[in-house]
Structures are given as C-alpha cells and as structure tokens.
Amino acid sequence: MAATFSTALDVHFAVSQSDPKRSIFFTKRLEHQNPSQRFRISCKTSKSSSSSSSKPQQNPLEEQSPKKTQSLSEQLQPLSTTTLPKKDQAACLSSNPKSTWVNPSKPKRSVLSLQRQKRSPHAYNPQLRELKLFAKKLNDCENNEGAFLSVLEQFPHRPNRENSLLILNSLKPWQKAYLFFNWLKTNNFFPMETIFYNVMMKCLRLGGQFEVIEELANEMVSNEIPLDNITYSTIISCARRCYHFDKAVEWFERMYRTGLMPDEVTYSAILDVYAKLGKVEEVISLYERGVASGWKPDMVTFSVLAKMFGVAGDYEGIKYVLQEMKSVEVRPNLVVYNTLIEAMGRAGKPGFARNLFEDLIESGLTPNEKTLTAIAKIYGKARWEKDALKLWEEMKSKNWPVDFILYNTLLTMFADIGLVEEAEQLFIDMKRSENFKPDSWSYTAMLNIYASGGNVDKAMELFEEMFEVGVELNVMGITCLIQCLGKTRRIEELVRVFTVSIQQEIEPDDRLCGCLLSVVSQCDNRVDIDKVLACLHQANPRLVEFVELIEDEKSSLDTVKGEFRRVLSDTKDDARRPFCNCLIDICRSKNLHERAHDLLFLGTLYGLYPRLHNRTADEWCLNVRTLSVGAAKTALEEWMGTLAKIVKRGEALPELFSAQTGTGTHKFAQGLSNSFGSHLKELGAPFKNSEDKVGCFVATREDLLLWLQSKIPSSSTVIS
C-alpha cells in the first residue's frame, strides 16, 4: 500500500554574486531581488518502488544557487577528511546526523560574518598522524634555511594540495612557513590557489610582516590569482596592526573597487584606521552607510567611535555615539564603558562621566581597574570630594579589583582634593600589602599632600624614609618638597634637598626652576635670596642672569625684551606663563613696579595672557585667573590706568565692569581672590563681591567713573 504525503516548500531565488549590476558596497537585501515561490510536491512510496533502484533527478534550482563565500576556517576544515583514503571516509560519518533547522524568515546579513566554527574531531588515520608528526619536526628544527630544507627532503608523501595545506597551516614561525611556501612554488607540485596565499598571509600577520604580505598580494595580481574577502581582510588588518594606515586605506579602496563586501573584522579595522588618521567625516560616512544597508555595529565599532571623539575632546561626537548605541539597541559592555568614561574626562565633562559610571553599576557590570582608574582621575581633577569619598567606600565594601596604577591614582586623587586621612590610610595599606608596595610615585603623591597642607615636618620625614627603604627620588617629589620648604622659609633644608637631588642625578626641569623662582619672590632677606639663586643657577644659569638684569634699574626695555625672549625660547610652553608670573612677583617684592608693568606688557605681547581682557557692549572684564597674586595686582593697576585715560578722552564706557579671579577648589589653595580683594580696598576702587559668581568683583559705570575722575588729576600712566 502506498503512502502519500504532500508539503509546501519555500524556494528562494538569490541574485548571483557575479551580477555586475549589484551594489558593490554594503548591498542591502531587497524583497524584489529574492522572490519566493511556493511549490506543492507529492511523494508516493510502495514496496515495488522501494525495491527498484533509480537515480534521483537533480533539482534544476540547485544549479542556480550561488556559492557562499567561506571563511578561512571553513576552507581549512575539510582537510582532515580529504587526506583520508576513500574506504575510510564512511567510518568518519555519524550514523545519526543531527538536522539543522534554518529560519526561512530571518534575512541574511548584508555584511559578511566571520564565523569561527568548531572543527570536527580528527579520526585516527596513519597518514594524518604522520603528517602531523612531520609538521612538528619542521617546527622543531633549527631556524635556518639549510636545516629546514634538509628536513623537507623527508616529506612522507608526494606533496599535493591537501597535505601541503595541512603542513603550511601547522607551521608557527612565519619564517619557516614562508620557506615552505616558497618551496612549494619553486617545485611546482600543483597550481597555487588563493587559500594557500590566505594561510601564508595569516601567518605573516602574526609576525607583523606587512611588507611581505603586500608582495604576495601583488604577486597574486600578477599571476591572476583572485583575491577574496579573506585576502583583503588579512592585508588591511595587518596594515593597521603595523601602523601603515595609508596602506590600509589604499587596500580597502582596492577592495571596494572589486565589489567585494568587507566582513565585520575588516569593517571595524578600517573604521579604526580612518579614526587614527583623524578622518572623522570618512568614519561617520562609512558608519552611516553600513547601518543604512542593514549592518549592525558591534562593540568594537562603538569603542573606535568613542575613542576617536574622546581623544579630540568632542563632546557632541561622544553624545552621537551614545545615541547610536541606543538606536540600534546595543548596550555597552565594560570595554565601551571604559572608553566612554575616559572620553568624557578628556572632553572636560566630569558630570557625564559620573553618569556613565553609575549606569555601568546599575547595568550589573563590575568595574575593573581601568574603569576605576579613569573615574578616580576625573574626580581628582574636578576636585569632587564627596564623589571621591563615595568611590573609595564602594571600592572597599564591594571588594572591587585594584592594581598598582589604581592605587597610585587614588593617592593622586586624594592629593588633588586634600583628603589627608584617606591618603594616609591608603598609603599604610600599600605598605602592608605584598604586591603593591609604595614606589616613587606613591611617595610623591604623599609629599604633594603634605606640601600642599604646609605639613613640612611630615614631608621631611617621608623624604628621609625614601632613602631608608631605597625608593628612588624623582623631580616631581623634589619640586613639591622645595615648594613646601620655601613657603615656610626653611631655606637651609631647601638647599640640602636640592643638593641631594643633584647628587642623585635628578635633572631639574622647568617646573622645578619655576618653583625656585617662586621661592625667590617670597624671600624677605638677601642672604636667603642668594642661597636660592645659587640653586637655580645650577639648574638654569640664563634665568638667574635675567633676574639680575631686571633688578638693575638701568636696564632698558629693549634689553629686557631681547633677553626675555631668549629665556622663553629655552622654556617649555606650559612653563612660560608661570615664569613670567614669578618674575613679576620678584619685581613687586623689590618695589620695582615699573619693571613689573614692563614684564606684564612683554608677557601680553608674547601671548602668555591671551584672555586677560574681554569686552562686550555691556561689560568690560579683566580675567586674572591664570595670574599670580603680584601679576594680578599689576594687571589691575594697568587696567585702571587705561580706563583713566579713556575717561580723560571722554570716550563711551559700558554699564558694568568686572574682574574675574576664580576660586581655588583645592582645600589648601591660597586665595588669589582674597589678595585681589584686599588690593582693591587699598586702591579704594568701587569693586564689590558679586552675589551671583564666586571670585568675581563688579562695579557699575557710575561708581567707577566717579572714582576715576577723582584720581585723574593725580594719576599718570598707572594708578597705584
């Protein structure tokens, strides 16, 4: 009796990959390109039909189905079976193979995916075992051409495509793999195919040999051996690893012209290359074209975008990344969170960095050492005491992971904020630990804390302890200690510390020289000044000569100008303004007010104070945030003198005048605002503390005009 059943099959017609009319980049799957037709197939079976043997007819649709591009692992997978004799192949097949269900409604990805499939276990076979042993012998032989070729003469079988590919894929040192590859080509055992070049390039990529890879790629082009997706992916990713970014772009463009679609690895790699080259527009363009074609970005891609915008401090770009992640419903992993937090720190957005950190915790992820280091740096720079303490308590209560860098970062954070007790407890914990003993930077952070707080005795104790435990001194620690000793007028100890640093072959930098210059401005007797200048002369003789020049009232402005320019040319950019500030302070400490005004003029001329003055139609502002106390007083006097001249000429004035001093957020910061306010009172200027802004003094036009008019008859160029 015959049994009958019928079923409906969905048969999909796919456009061939060789279709010249198809899109060559991020081709999106369209329904009209892949129509479905439904066929009804009936099957009958009977005893008679089952007993008869007939050759099944081939489905004509199978001839039209396109070939799927295989990954390198998929191409290498059948090697174990192709090297087996025909009679043994049946033994390797499972008697009950598992069926694979494929969802016909799920669309295929428009961007190729490198799926690393598990390989089938190799069955026991004498030939396969023999080849593996031979590959091991090649790997173990001496690393020279003669020894390698000598072992090759013992090849157990005549080299063919299958066994040669297996040997090539088993050779780990790229030099030996390259020798074997060239040996195969020279002897011409069989035609070299794309897969051989792909395997060879993969090995060369591990060795960072981009130049050799490029030679092989050009050889493939010359010999008309096709470059497939894997070939281009290997070339581009190797160029990126070897920092040949221009070459990576060049090969990506060549791939683009051939019509091959980049896989996810290649796509992420080329986005990173464009980002490192600073081609932001190209990165965004490629990203948006990929998303529009149906590609779903992964974590690596978002990490690349976040890092690109973060390095540039582009806050709007970072927001764009967050919005894109939300739009494609991708939740950041720990790596992306870390990148975004660091990016917010570079962009100067500590509040958003904190929000990201809290979101990370709420998502169930555990921050690692890199996360905590980044957020600790941000809290320290922002001087956020409450958040820093909260972070410290959470780290202890939740037993979050720590490393040496994190310990030192926490110490620096406590130093930036002035949390002495917490820093001391952490320092003690480091001393007690087995793996995180304090190093030079740990001691420097503690020296900074004690020096900032004026606790010179503890700072000196720590200095002596460094010698006892054998911790190396560094220039930053010496600078902190000298600054502390200078403020407390302990000049003899200052000289001893500086002498020890020279004996330890610590090279003084511009910051240390600026610190000594600042101490000179604070000394009130000539003996101490000469001692400090003697130290400074060992570090920077030209700077001492310039101090002597400006102290001489006979020195002309042109002479001072020329020497000042030479001093600045020998000084790093970030130390030039501090040098000028200290030199002005020295002049004021010696009542050389006119010379102080000359130096302020020269500093402004050479661009050291770019935002000192700001004018709008309604308000004129003096910004002294980056000036020392003496330089700020000099700038105020200069400003008042200029305003007096404007009033004398009868020119129009705005409604409001303001002076911005800012406010120190460090617990131990000296108040420029207080000193500046005291100087305003000495001058009798009608500036008052602003009710809206801390560290801001304001005056109305009417009040300032009356005061200036009262000063004009007795004023010359400046009001003092």
Foldseek 3Di string as FASTA:
>chain_A
DKDKDKDKDKDWQADELPPPPAALELGFDDDVRIDIDIDIDMDIDDPVVVVDDDDDDDDPVVVRDYDDDAALQVVLQCLLQVVDDPVCNVVPDDPDDDDDDDDPVDDDGSADAHDNDDHDDRDDDPVVVVLLVLLVVLQPWDPDLVRNVVSVVVPPDQDDDRSLLVSLLSHQQLSSSVSSLVVCVVVCSDDDAQSSLLSSLVNVLVVLNLVVLVVVVVVCVVVVHDHAQSSLLSNLQSCLVNVVLVSNVVSVVVSSVVSHYHHLSSLLSNLLSCLVVVVLVVNVVSVVVNVVSPDDHDQSNLLSQLQSQLVVLNPVSLVVSVVSCVVSVHDHDQSSLLSNLLSCLSNVNLVVSVVSVVVCVVVVHAHAASSLLSNLLSCLVVLPPVVLVVSVVCCVVVVHDHDQSNLLSNLLSCLSNLVLVVLVVSQVVQCPDDHHNDAQSSLLSNLSSCLLQLVLVVNVVSVVVCVVVVHDHAQSSLQSNLLSCLVVVVLVVNLVSLVVCVVSVHQHALSSLLSLLLSLLVDDDPVSNVSSLVSSCVRPVLLSVLLVQLVDPPRDLVNNLVSLVVVVVVHDPVNNLSSLQSSLSNCVSVVVLVSSLSSLVSCVVVPVCVPQWDDDQAETEGECQPHDLSNLLSSVQQVLLVVLVCVVVVHDDHFKYKYARDADSHPSDDGSLVSVVVSCVVLVAPWDQDPVDPRMTMDGPVRRSVSSVVCNVVDDRTRD
